[in-house]
mmCIF file of all heavy atoms, coordinates in Angstrom:
data_MODEL
# 
_entry.id   MODEL 
# 
loop_
_atom_site.group_PDB 
_atom_site.id 
_atom_site.type_symbol 
_atom_site.label_atom_id 
_atom_site.label_alt_id 
_atom_site.label_comp_id 
_atom_site.label_asym_id 
_atom_site.label_entity_id 
_atom_site.label_seq_id 
_atom_site.pdbx_PDB_ins_code 
_atom_site.Cartn_x 
_atom_site.Cartn_y 
_atom_site.Cartn_z 
_atom_site.occupancy 
_atom_site.B_iso_or_equiv 
_atom_site.pdbx_formal_charge 
_atom_site.auth_seq_id 
_atom_site.auth_comp_id 
_atom_site.auth_asym_id 
_atom_site.auth_atom_id 
_atom_site.pdbx_PDB_model_num 
ATOM 1   N N   . ALA A 1 1  ? 0.851  -1.194 0.000  1.00 0.00 ? 1  ALA A N   1 
ATOM 2   C CA  . ALA A 1 1  ? 0.000  0.000  0.000  1.00 0.00 ? 1  ALA A CA  1 
ATOM 3   C C   . ALA A 1 1  ? 0.891  1.250  0.000  1.00 0.00 ? 1  ALA A C   1 
ATOM 4   O O   . ALA A 1 1  ? 1.878  1.321  0.711  1.00 0.00 ? 1  ALA A O   1 
ATOM 5   C CB  . ALA A 1 1  ? -0.896 0.009  1.232  1.00 0.00 ? 1  ALA A CB  1 
ATOM 6   N N   . GLU A 1 2  ? 0.490  2.215  -0.800 1.00 0.00 ? 2  GLU A N   1 
ATOM 7   C CA  . GLU A 1 2  ? 1.235  3.463  -0.869 1.00 0.00 ? 2  GLU A CA  1 
ATOM 8   C C   . GLU A 1 2  ? 0.624  4.458  0.107  1.00 0.00 ? 2  GLU A C   1 
ATOM 9   O O   . GLU A 1 2  ? -0.600 4.562  0.214  1.00 0.00 ? 2  GLU A O   1 
ATOM 10  C CB  . GLU A 1 2  ? 1.156  4.018  -2.297 1.00 0.00 ? 2  GLU A CB  1 
ATOM 11  C CG  . GLU A 1 2  ? 2.142  5.116  -2.576 1.00 0.00 ? 2  GLU A CG  1 
ATOM 12  C CD  . GLU A 1 2  ? 2.136  5.515  -4.034 1.00 0.00 ? 2  GLU A CD  1 
ATOM 13  O OE1 . GLU A 1 2  ? 2.814  4.850  -4.845 1.00 0.00 ? 2  GLU A OE1 1 
ATOM 14  O OE2 . GLU A 1 2  ? 1.447  6.495  -4.349 1.00 0.00 ? 2  GLU A OE2 1 
ATOM 15  N N   . TYR A 1 3  ? 1.470  5.159  0.847  1.00 0.00 ? 3  TYR A N   1 
ATOM 16  C CA  . TYR A 1 3  ? 0.952  6.174  1.759  1.00 0.00 ? 3  TYR A CA  1 
ATOM 17  C C   . TYR A 1 3  ? 1.892  7.381  1.761  1.00 0.00 ? 3  TYR A C   1 
ATOM 18  O O   . TYR A 1 3  ? 3.054  7.287  1.393  1.00 0.00 ? 3  TYR A O   1 
ATOM 19  C CB  . TYR A 1 3  ? 0.760  5.627  3.175  1.00 0.00 ? 3  TYR A CB  1 
ATOM 20  C CG  . TYR A 1 3  ? 2.017  5.209  3.875  1.00 0.00 ? 3  TYR A CG  1 
ATOM 21  C CD1 . TYR A 1 3  ? 2.608  6.038  4.816  1.00 0.00 ? 3  TYR A CD1 1 
ATOM 22  C CD2 . TYR A 1 3  ? 2.616  3.977  3.625  1.00 0.00 ? 3  TYR A CD2 1 
ATOM 23  C CE1 . TYR A 1 3  ? 3.763  5.668  5.470  1.00 0.00 ? 3  TYR A CE1 1 
ATOM 24  C CE2 . TYR A 1 3  ? 3.768  3.600  4.270  1.00 0.00 ? 3  TYR A CE2 1 
ATOM 25  C CZ  . TYR A 1 3  ? 4.333  4.449  5.194  1.00 0.00 ? 3  TYR A CZ  1 
ATOM 26  O OH  . TYR A 1 3  ? 5.484  4.067  5.833  1.00 0.00 ? 3  TYR A OH  1 
ATOM 27  N N   . VAL A 1 4  ? 1.349  8.518  2.167  1.00 0.00 ? 4  VAL A N   1 
ATOM 28  C CA  . VAL A 1 4  ? 2.095  9.772  2.147  1.00 0.00 ? 4  VAL A CA  1 
ATOM 29  C C   . VAL A 1 4  ? 2.714  10.032 3.519  1.00 0.00 ? 4  VAL A C   1 
ATOM 30  O O   . VAL A 1 4  ? 2.033  9.923  4.535  1.00 0.00 ? 4  VAL A O   1 
ATOM 31  C CB  . VAL A 1 4  ? 1.166  10.950 1.762  1.00 0.00 ? 4  VAL A CB  1 
ATOM 32  C CG1 . VAL A 1 4  ? 1.920  12.273 1.823  1.00 0.00 ? 4  VAL A CG1 1 
ATOM 33  C CG2 . VAL A 1 4  ? 0.584  10.729 0.376  1.00 0.00 ? 4  VAL A CG2 1 
ATOM 34  N N   . VAL A 1 5  ? 3.992  10.352 3.523  1.00 0.00 ? 5  VAL A N   1 
ATOM 35  C CA  . VAL A 1 5  ? 4.685  10.749 4.743  1.00 0.00 ? 5  VAL A CA  1 
ATOM 36  C C   . VAL A 1 5  ? 4.816  12.268 4.678  1.00 0.00 ? 5  VAL A C   1 
ATOM 37  O O   . VAL A 1 5  ? 5.596  12.802 3.903  1.00 0.00 ? 5  VAL A O   1 
ATOM 38  C CB  . VAL A 1 5  ? 6.080  10.089 4.836  1.00 0.00 ? 5  VAL A CB  1 
ATOM 39  C CG1 . VAL A 1 5  ? 6.812  10.572 6.078  1.00 0.00 ? 5  VAL A CG1 1 
ATOM 40  C CG2 . VAL A 1 5  ? 5.955  8.579  4.836  1.00 0.00 ? 5  VAL A CG2 1 
ATOM 41  N N   . ASP A 1 6  ? 3.985  12.974 5.458  1.00 0.00 ? 6  ASP A N   1 
ATOM 42  C CA  . ASP A 1 6  ? 3.970  14.434 5.419  1.00 0.00 ? 6  ASP A CA  1 
ATOM 43  C C   . ASP A 1 6  ? 5.123  15.039 6.208  1.00 0.00 ? 6  ASP A C   1 
ATOM 44  O O   . ASP A 1 6  ? 5.738  16.008 5.775  1.00 0.00 ? 6  ASP A O   1 
ATOM 45  C CB  . ASP A 1 6  ? 2.652  14.981 5.987  1.00 0.00 ? 6  ASP A CB  1 
ATOM 46  C CG  . ASP A 1 6  ? 1.484  14.710 5.055  1.00 0.00 ? 6  ASP A CG  1 
ATOM 47  O OD1 . ASP A 1 6  ? 1.714  14.618 3.841  1.00 0.00 ? 6  ASP A OD1 1 
ATOM 48  O OD2 . ASP A 1 6  ? 0.364  14.573 5.558  1.00 0.00 ? 6  ASP A OD2 1 
ATOM 49  N N   . PHE A 1 7  ? 5.379  14.525 7.380  1.00 0.00 ? 7  PHE A N   1 
ATOM 50  C CA  . PHE A 1 7  ? 6.404  15.092 8.244  1.00 0.00 ? 7  PHE A CA  1 
ATOM 51  C C   . PHE A 1 7  ? 7.665  14.243 8.169  1.00 0.00 ? 7  PHE A C   1 
ATOM 52  O O   . PHE A 1 7  ? 7.633  13.047 8.451  1.00 0.00 ? 7  PHE A O   1 
ATOM 53  C CB  . PHE A 1 7  ? 5.904  15.173 9.692  1.00 0.00 ? 7  PHE A CB  1 
ATOM 54  C CG  . PHE A 1 7  ? 4.848  16.219 9.873  1.00 0.00 ? 7  PHE A CG  1 
ATOM 55  C CD1 . PHE A 1 7  ? 3.508  15.895 9.751  1.00 0.00 ? 7  PHE A CD1 1 
ATOM 56  C CD2 . PHE A 1 7  ? 5.196  17.527 10.147 1.00 0.00 ? 7  PHE A CD2 1 
ATOM 57  C CE1 . PHE A 1 7  ? 2.531  16.860 9.903  1.00 0.00 ? 7  PHE A CE1 1 
ATOM 58  C CE2 . PHE A 1 7  ? 4.236  18.503 10.299 1.00 0.00 ? 7  PHE A CE2 1 
ATOM 59  C CZ  . PHE A 1 7  ? 2.895  18.163 10.178 1.00 0.00 ? 7  PHE A CZ  1 
ATOM 60  N N   . LEU A 1 8  ? 8.757  14.873 7.794  1.00 0.00 ? 8  LEU A N   1 
ATOM 61  C CA  . LEU A 1 8  ? 10.028 14.175 7.644  1.00 0.00 ? 8  LEU A CA  1 
ATOM 62  C C   . LEU A 1 8  ? 10.900 14.391 8.879  1.00 0.00 ? 8  LEU A C   1 
ATOM 63  O O   . LEU A 1 8  ? 10.863 15.458 9.494  1.00 0.00 ? 8  LEU A O   1 
ATOM 64  C CB  . LEU A 1 8  ? 10.752 14.706 6.409  1.00 0.00 ? 8  LEU A CB  1 
ATOM 65  C CG  . LEU A 1 8  ? 9.968  14.543 5.109  1.00 0.00 ? 8  LEU A CG  1 
ATOM 66  C CD1 . LEU A 1 8  ? 10.677 15.255 3.983  1.00 0.00 ? 8  LEU A CD1 1 
ATOM 67  C CD2 . LEU A 1 8  ? 9.787  13.073 4.786  1.00 0.00 ? 8  LEU A CD2 1 
ATOM 68  N N   . PRO A 1 9  ? 11.705 13.391 9.250  1.00 0.00 ? 9  PRO A N   1 
ATOM 69  C CA  . PRO A 1 9  ? 12.570 13.552 10.424 1.00 0.00 ? 9  PRO A CA  1 
ATOM 70  C C   . PRO A 1 9  ? 13.674 14.573 10.150 1.00 0.00 ? 9  PRO A C   1 
ATOM 71  O O   . PRO A 1 9  ? 14.283 14.572 9.080  1.00 0.00 ? 9  PRO A O   1 
ATOM 72  C CB  . PRO A 1 9  ? 13.143 12.152 10.640 1.00 0.00 ? 9  PRO A CB  1 
ATOM 73  C CG  . PRO A 1 9  ? 12.987 11.453 9.347  1.00 0.00 ? 9  PRO A CG  1 
ATOM 74  C CD  . PRO A 1 9  ? 11.818 12.073 8.646  1.00 0.00 ? 9  PRO A CD  1 
ATOM 75  N N   . LYS A 1 10 ? 13.890 15.442 11.107 1.00 0.00 ? 10 LYS A N   1 
ATOM 76  C CA  . LYS A 1 10 ? 14.935 16.465 11.046 1.00 0.00 ? 10 LYS A CA  1 
ATOM 77  C C   . LYS A 1 10 ? 15.587 16.575 12.419 1.00 0.00 ? 10 LYS A C   1 
ATOM 78  O O   . LYS A 1 10 ? 15.102 16.019 13.394 1.00 0.00 ? 10 LYS A O   1 
ATOM 79  C CB  . LYS A 1 10 ? 14.353 17.840 10.671 1.00 0.00 ? 10 LYS A CB  1 
ATOM 80  C CG  . LYS A 1 10 ? 13.623 17.893 9.341  1.00 0.00 ? 10 LYS A CG  1 
ATOM 81  C CD  . LYS A 1 10 ? 14.567 17.823 8.186  1.00 0.00 ? 10 LYS A CD  1 
ATOM 82  C CE  . LYS A 1 10 ? 13.797 17.922 6.874  1.00 0.00 ? 10 LYS A CE  1 
ATOM 83  N NZ  . LYS A 1 10 ? 14.673 17.869 5.728  1.00 0.00 ? 10 LYS A NZ  1 
ATOM 84  N N   . ILE A 1 11 ? 16.676 17.321 12.490 1.00 0.00 ? 11 ILE A N   1 
ATOM 85  C CA  . ILE A 1 11 ? 17.340 17.638 13.752 1.00 0.00 ? 11 ILE A CA  1 
ATOM 86  C C   . ILE A 1 11 ? 17.316 19.155 13.916 1.00 0.00 ? 11 ILE A C   1 
ATOM 87  O O   . ILE A 1 11 ? 17.659 19.878 12.983 1.00 0.00 ? 11 ILE A O   1 
ATOM 88  C CB  . ILE A 1 11 ? 18.809 17.149 13.772 1.00 0.00 ? 11 ILE A CB  1 
ATOM 89  C CG1 . ILE A 1 11 ? 18.891 15.635 13.637 1.00 0.00 ? 11 ILE A CG1 1 
ATOM 90  C CG2 . ILE A 1 11 ? 19.531 17.624 15.034 1.00 0.00 ? 11 ILE A CG2 1 
ATOM 91  C CD1 . ILE A 1 11 ? 18.408 14.853 14.833 1.00 0.00 ? 11 ILE A CD1 1 
ATOM 92  N N   . ARG A 1 12 ? 16.926 19.614 15.104 1.00 0.00 ? 12 ARG A N   1 
ATOM 93  C CA  . ARG A 1 12 ? 16.981 21.052 15.402 1.00 0.00 ? 12 ARG A CA  1 
ATOM 94  C C   . ARG A 1 12 ? 18.146 21.278 16.363 1.00 0.00 ? 12 ARG A C   1 
ATOM 95  O O   . ARG A 1 12 ? 18.185 20.709 17.451 1.00 0.00 ? 12 ARG A O   1 
ATOM 96  C CB  . ARG A 1 12 ? 15.693 21.552 16.038 1.00 0.00 ? 12 ARG A CB  1 
ATOM 97  C CG  . ARG A 1 12 ? 15.781 23.062 16.354 1.00 0.00 ? 12 ARG A CG  1 
ATOM 98  C CD  . ARG A 1 12 ? 14.528 23.619 16.934 1.00 0.00 ? 12 ARG A CD  1 
ATOM 99  N NE  . ARG A 1 12 ? 14.274 22.985 18.222 1.00 0.00 ? 12 ARG A NE  1 
ATOM 100 C CZ  . ARG A 1 12 ? 13.067 22.857 18.755 1.00 0.00 ? 12 ARG A CZ  1 
ATOM 101 N NH1 . ARG A 1 12 ? 12.005 23.289 18.132 1.00 0.00 ? 12 ARG A NH1 1 
ATOM 102 N NH2 . ARG A 1 12 ? 12.928 22.278 19.923 1.00 0.00 ? 12 ARG A NH2 1 
ATOM 103 N N   . LEU A 1 13 ? 19.079 22.106 15.942 1.00 0.00 ? 13 LEU A N   1 
ATOM 104 C CA  . LEU A 1 13 ? 20.207 22.483 16.784 1.00 0.00 ? 13 LEU A CA  1 
ATOM 105 C C   . LEU A 1 13 ? 19.950 23.867 17.353 1.00 0.00 ? 13 LEU A C   1 
ATOM 106 O O   . LEU A 1 13 ? 19.489 24.757 16.634 1.00 0.00 ? 13 LEU A O   1 
ATOM 107 C CB  . LEU A 1 13 ? 21.504 22.526 15.969 1.00 0.00 ? 13 LEU A CB  1 
ATOM 108 C CG  . LEU A 1 13 ? 21.948 21.223 15.326 1.00 0.00 ? 13 LEU A CG  1 
ATOM 109 C CD1 . LEU A 1 13 ? 23.196 21.468 14.496 1.00 0.00 ? 13 LEU A CD1 1 
ATOM 110 C CD2 . LEU A 1 13 ? 22.211 20.178 16.382 1.00 0.00 ? 13 LEU A CD2 1 
ATOM 111 N N   . GLU A 1 14 ? 20.255 24.041 18.630 1.00 0.00 ? 14 GLU A N   1 
ATOM 112 C CA  . GLU A 1 14 ? 20.154 25.348 19.266 1.00 0.00 ? 14 GLU A CA  1 
ATOM 113 C C   . GLU A 1 14 ? 21.519 25.673 19.851 1.00 0.00 ? 14 GLU A C   1 
ATOM 114 O O   . GLU A 1 14 ? 22.073 24.891 20.624 1.00 0.00 ? 14 GLU A O   1 
ATOM 115 C CB  . GLU A 1 14 ? 19.093 25.330 20.354 1.00 0.00 ? 14 GLU A CB  1 
ATOM 116 C CG  . GLU A 1 14 ? 17.696 25.089 19.801 1.00 0.00 ? 14 GLU A CG  1 
ATOM 117 C CD  . GLU A 1 14 ? 16.664 24.940 20.893 1.00 0.00 ? 14 GLU A CD  1 
ATOM 118 O OE1 . GLU A 1 14 ? 16.535 23.812 21.400 1.00 0.00 ? 14 GLU A OE1 1 
ATOM 119 O OE2 . GLU A 1 14 ? 16.031 25.949 21.235 1.00 0.00 ? 14 GLU A OE2 1 
ATOM 120 N N   . ILE A 1 15 ? 22.043 26.841 19.463 1.00 0.00 ? 15 ILE A N   1 
ATOM 121 C CA  . ILE A 1 15 ? 23.369 27.255 19.886 1.00 0.00 ? 15 ILE A CA  1 
ATOM 122 C C   . ILE A 1 15 ? 23.288 28.725 20.275 1.00 0.00 ? 15 ILE A C   1 
ATOM 123 O O   . ILE A 1 15 ? 22.766 29.533 19.508 1.00 0.00 ? 15 ILE A O   1 
ATOM 124 C CB  . ILE A 1 15 ? 24.388 27.097 18.732 1.00 0.00 ? 15 ILE A CB  1 
ATOM 125 C CG1 . ILE A 1 15 ? 24.320 25.680 18.163 1.00 0.00 ? 15 ILE A CG1 1 
ATOM 126 C CG2 . ILE A 1 15 ? 25.788 27.444 19.182 1.00 0.00 ? 15 ILE A CG2 1 
ATOM 127 C CD1 . ILE A 1 15 ? 24.613 25.587 16.709 1.00 0.00 ? 15 ILE A CD1 1 
ATOM 128 N N   . VAL A 1 16 ? 23.803 29.076 21.447 1.00 0.00 ? 16 VAL A N   1 
ATOM 129 C CA  . VAL A 1 16 ? 23.865 30.478 21.853 1.00 0.00 ? 16 VAL A CA  1 
ATOM 130 C C   . VAL A 1 16 ? 25.327 30.900 21.810 1.00 0.00 ? 16 VAL A C   1 
ATOM 131 O O   . VAL A 1 16 ? 26.185 30.253 22.416 1.00 0.00 ? 16 VAL A O   1 
ATOM 132 C CB  . VAL A 1 16 ? 23.272 30.682 23.264 1.00 0.00 ? 16 VAL A CB  1 
ATOM 133 C CG1 . VAL A 1 16 ? 23.429 32.121 23.705 1.00 0.00 ? 16 VAL A CG1 1 
ATOM 134 C CG2 . VAL A 1 16 ? 21.802 30.283 23.269 1.00 0.00 ? 16 VAL A CG2 1 
ATOM 135 N N   . VAL A 1 17 ? 25.588 31.975 21.055 1.00 0.00 ? 17 VAL A N   1 
ATOM 136 C CA  . VAL A 1 17 ? 26.955 32.455 20.867 1.00 0.00 ? 17 VAL A CA  1 
ATOM 137 C C   . VAL A 1 17 ? 27.013 33.971 21.036 1.00 0.00 ? 17 VAL A C   1 
ATOM 138 O O   . VAL A 1 17 ? 25.982 34.646 20.993 1.00 0.00 ? 17 VAL A O   1 
ATOM 139 C CB  . VAL A 1 17 ? 27.506 32.076 19.469 1.00 0.00 ? 17 VAL A CB  1 
ATOM 140 C CG1 . VAL A 1 17 ? 27.601 30.574 19.301 1.00 0.00 ? 17 VAL A CG1 1 
ATOM 141 C CG2 . VAL A 1 17 ? 26.668 32.680 18.363 1.00 0.00 ? 17 VAL A CG2 1 
ATOM 142 N N   . SER A 1 18 ? 28.214 34.490 21.197 1.00 0.00 ? 18 SER A N   1 
ATOM 143 C CA  . SER A 1 18 ? 28.382 35.942 21.223 1.00 0.00 ? 18 SER A CA  1 
ATOM 144 C C   . SER A 1 18 ? 28.173 36.471 19.800 1.00 0.00 ? 18 SER A C   1 
ATOM 145 O O   . SER A 1 18 ? 28.295 35.733 18.821 1.00 0.00 ? 18 SER A O   1 
ATOM 146 C CB  . SER A 1 18 ? 29.774 36.312 21.726 1.00 0.00 ? 18 SER A CB  1 
ATOM 147 O OG  . SER A 1 18 ? 30.751 35.895 20.799 1.00 0.00 ? 18 SER A OG  1 
ATOM 148 N N   . GLU A 1 19 ? 27.879 37.748 19.697 1.00 0.00 ? 19 GLU A N   1 
ATOM 149 C CA  . GLU A 1 19 ? 27.609 38.336 18.379 1.00 0.00 ? 19 GLU A CA  1 
ATOM 150 C C   . GLU A 1 19 ? 28.801 38.210 17.445 1.00 0.00 ? 19 GLU A C   1 
ATOM 151 O O   . GLU A 1 19 ? 28.634 38.128 16.233 1.00 0.00 ? 19 GLU A O   1 
ATOM 152 C CB  . GLU A 1 19 ? 27.168 39.786 18.540 1.00 0.00 ? 19 GLU A CB  1 
ATOM 153 C CG  . GLU A 1 19 ? 25.859 39.876 19.297 1.00 0.00 ? 19 GLU A CG  1 
ATOM 154 C CD  . GLU A 1 19 ? 25.105 41.162 19.054 1.00 0.00 ? 19 GLU A CD  1 
ATOM 155 O OE1 . GLU A 1 19 ? 25.299 41.783 17.997 1.00 0.00 ? 19 GLU A OE1 1 
ATOM 156 O OE2 . GLU A 1 19 ? 24.311 41.508 19.930 1.00 0.00 ? 19 GLU A OE2 1 
ATOM 157 N N   . ASP A 1 20 ? 30.010 38.167 17.999 1.00 0.00 ? 20 ASP A N   1 
ATOM 158 C CA  . ASP A 1 20 ? 31.216 38.049 17.179 1.00 0.00 ? 20 ASP A CA  1 
ATOM 159 C C   . ASP A 1 20 ? 31.309 36.687 16.478 1.00 0.00 ? 20 ASP A C   1 
ATOM 160 O O   . ASP A 1 20 ? 31.958 36.569 15.440 1.00 0.00 ? 20 ASP A O   1 
ATOM 161 C CB  . ASP A 1 20 ? 32.470 38.232 18.045 1.00 0.00 ? 20 ASP A CB  1 
ATOM 162 C CG  . ASP A 1 20 ? 32.523 39.607 18.683 1.00 0.00 ? 20 ASP A CG  1 
ATOM 163 O OD1 . ASP A 1 20 ? 31.873 40.536 18.160 1.00 0.00 ? 20 ASP A OD1 1 
ATOM 164 O OD2 . ASP A 1 20 ? 33.207 39.752 19.716 1.00 0.00 ? 20 ASP A OD2 1 
ATOM 165 N N   . ASP A 1 21 ? 30.687 35.669 17.046 1.00 0.00 ? 21 ASP A N   1 
ATOM 166 C CA  . ASP A 1 21 ? 30.800 34.309 16.516 1.00 0.00 ? 21 ASP A CA  1 
ATOM 167 C C   . ASP A 1 21 ? 29.661 33.910 15.579 1.00 0.00 ? 21 ASP A C   1 
ATOM 168 O O   . ASP A 1 21 ? 29.702 32.817 15.009 1.00 0.00 ? 21 ASP A O   1 
ATOM 169 C CB  . ASP A 1 21 ? 30.851 33.303 17.676 1.00 0.00 ? 21 ASP A CB  1 
ATOM 170 C CG  . ASP A 1 21 ? 32.123 33.434 18.489 1.00 0.00 ? 21 ASP A CG  1 
ATOM 171 O OD1 . ASP A 1 21 ? 33.148 33.869 17.926 1.00 0.00 ? 21 ASP A OD1 1 
ATOM 172 O OD2 . ASP A 1 21 ? 32.087 33.099 19.688 1.00 0.00 ? 21 ASP A OD2 1 
ATOM 173 N N   . VAL A 1 22 ? 28.659 34.756 15.410 1.00 0.00 ? 22 VAL A N   1 
ATOM 174 C CA  . VAL A 1 22 ? 27.469 34.372 14.650 1.00 0.00 ? 22 VAL A CA  1 
ATOM 175 C C   . VAL A 1 22 ? 27.799 34.006 13.210 1.00 0.00 ? 22 VAL A C   1 
ATOM 176 O O   . VAL A 1 22 ? 27.420 32.934 12.729 1.00 0.00 ? 22 VAL A O   1 
ATOM 177 C CB  . VAL A 1 22 ? 26.390 35.476 14.693 1.00 0.00 ? 22 VAL A CB  1 
ATOM 178 C CG1 . VAL A 1 22 ? 25.245 35.159 13.746 1.00 0.00 ? 22 VAL A CG1 1 
ATOM 179 C CG2 . VAL A 1 22 ? 25.869 35.645 16.103 1.00 0.00 ? 22 VAL A CG2 1 
ATOM 180 N N   . GLU A 1 23 ? 28.505 34.869 12.497 1.00 0.00 ? 23 GLU A N   1 
ATOM 181 C CA  . GLU A 1 23 ? 28.791 34.622 11.079 1.00 0.00 ? 23 GLU A CA  1 
ATOM 182 C C   . GLU A 1 23 ? 29.586 33.347 10.873 1.00 0.00 ? 23 GLU A C   1 
ATOM 183 O O   . GLU A 1 23 ? 29.269 32.538 10.004 1.00 0.00 ? 23 GLU A O   1 
ATOM 184 C CB  . GLU A 1 23 ? 29.549 35.792 10.456 1.00 0.00 ? 23 GLU A CB  1 
ATOM 185 C CG  . GLU A 1 23 ? 28.692 36.849 9.803  1.00 0.00 ? 23 GLU A CG  1 
ATOM 186 C CD  . GLU A 1 23 ? 27.542 36.332 8.959  1.00 0.00 ? 23 GLU A CD  1 
ATOM 187 O OE1 . GLU A 1 23 ? 27.765 35.590 7.974  1.00 0.00 ? 23 GLU A OE1 1 
ATOM 188 O OE2 . GLU A 1 23 ? 26.400 36.672 9.275  1.00 0.00 ? 23 GLU A OE2 1 
ATOM 189 N N   . ARG A 1 24 ? 30.639 33.155 11.688 1.00 0.00 ? 24 ARG A N   1 
ATOM 190 C CA  . ARG A 1 24 ? 31.462 31.941 11.566 1.00 0.00 ? 24 ARG A CA  1 
ATOM 191 C C   . ARG A 1 24 ? 30.637 30.698 11.836 1.00 0.00 ? 24 ARG A C   1 
ATOM 192 O O   . ARG A 1 24 ? 30.780 29.677 11.161 1.00 0.00 ? 24 ARG A O   1 
ATOM 193 C CB  . ARG A 1 24 ? 32.645 31.978 12.527 1.00 0.00 ? 24 ARG A CB  1 
ATOM 194 C CG  . ARG A 1 24 ? 33.680 33.011 12.191 1.00 0.00 ? 24 ARG A CG  1 
ATOM 195 C CD  . ARG A 1 24 ? 34.898 33.013 13.108 1.00 0.00 ? 24 ARG A CD  1 
ATOM 196 N NE  . ARG A 1 24 ? 34.574 32.799 14.511 1.00 0.00 ? 24 ARG A NE  1 
ATOM 197 C CZ  . ARG A 1 24 ? 35.122 31.842 15.264 1.00 0.00 ? 24 ARG A CZ  1 
ATOM 198 N NH1 . ARG A 1 24 ? 36.000 31.011 14.758 1.00 0.00 ? 24 ARG A NH1 1 
ATOM 199 N NH2 . ARG A 1 24 ? 34.784 31.714 16.534 1.00 0.00 ? 24 ARG A NH2 1 
ATOM 200 N N   . CYS A 1 25 ? 29.756 30.777 12.814 1.00 0.00 ? 25 CYS A N   1 
ATOM 201 C CA  . CYS A 1 25 ? 28.917 29.651 13.190 1.00 0.00 ? 25 CYS A CA  1 
ATOM 202 C C   . CYS A 1 25 ? 27.937 29.308 12.064 1.00 0.00 ? 25 CYS A C   1 
ATOM 203 O O   . CYS A 1 25 ? 27.789 28.150 11.680 1.00 0.00 ? 25 CYS A O   1 
ATOM 204 C CB  . CYS A 1 25 ? 28.173 29.985 14.481 1.00 0.00 ? 25 CYS A CB  1 
ATOM 205 S SG  . CYS A 1 25 ? 27.319 28.601 15.224 1.00 0.00 ? 25 CYS A SG  1 
ATOM 206 N N   . VAL A 1 26 ? 27.287 30.320 11.530 1.00 0.00 ? 26 VAL A N   1 
ATOM 207 C CA  . VAL A 1 26 ? 26.328 30.099 10.434 1.00 0.00 ? 26 VAL A CA  1 
ATOM 208 C C   . VAL A 1 26 ? 27.039 29.519 9.215  1.00 0.00 ? 26 VAL A C   1 
ATOM 209 O O   . VAL A 1 26 ? 26.561 28.560 8.602  1.00 0.00 ? 26 VAL A O   1 
ATOM 210 C CB  . VAL A 1 26 ? 25.586 31.409 10.083 1.00 0.00 ? 26 VAL A CB  1 
ATOM 211 C CG1 . VAL A 1 26 ? 24.817 31.268 8.779  1.00 0.00 ? 26 VAL A CG1 1 
ATOM 212 C CG2 . VAL A 1 26 ? 24.653 31.816 11.217 1.00 0.00 ? 26 VAL A CG2 1 
# 
């Protein structure tokens, strides 16, 4: 049987950094 998978598995990362590190981190 064919079925639709609407929600795909992902990983959410949360990182808090100083403003100086934002660009390098991204």
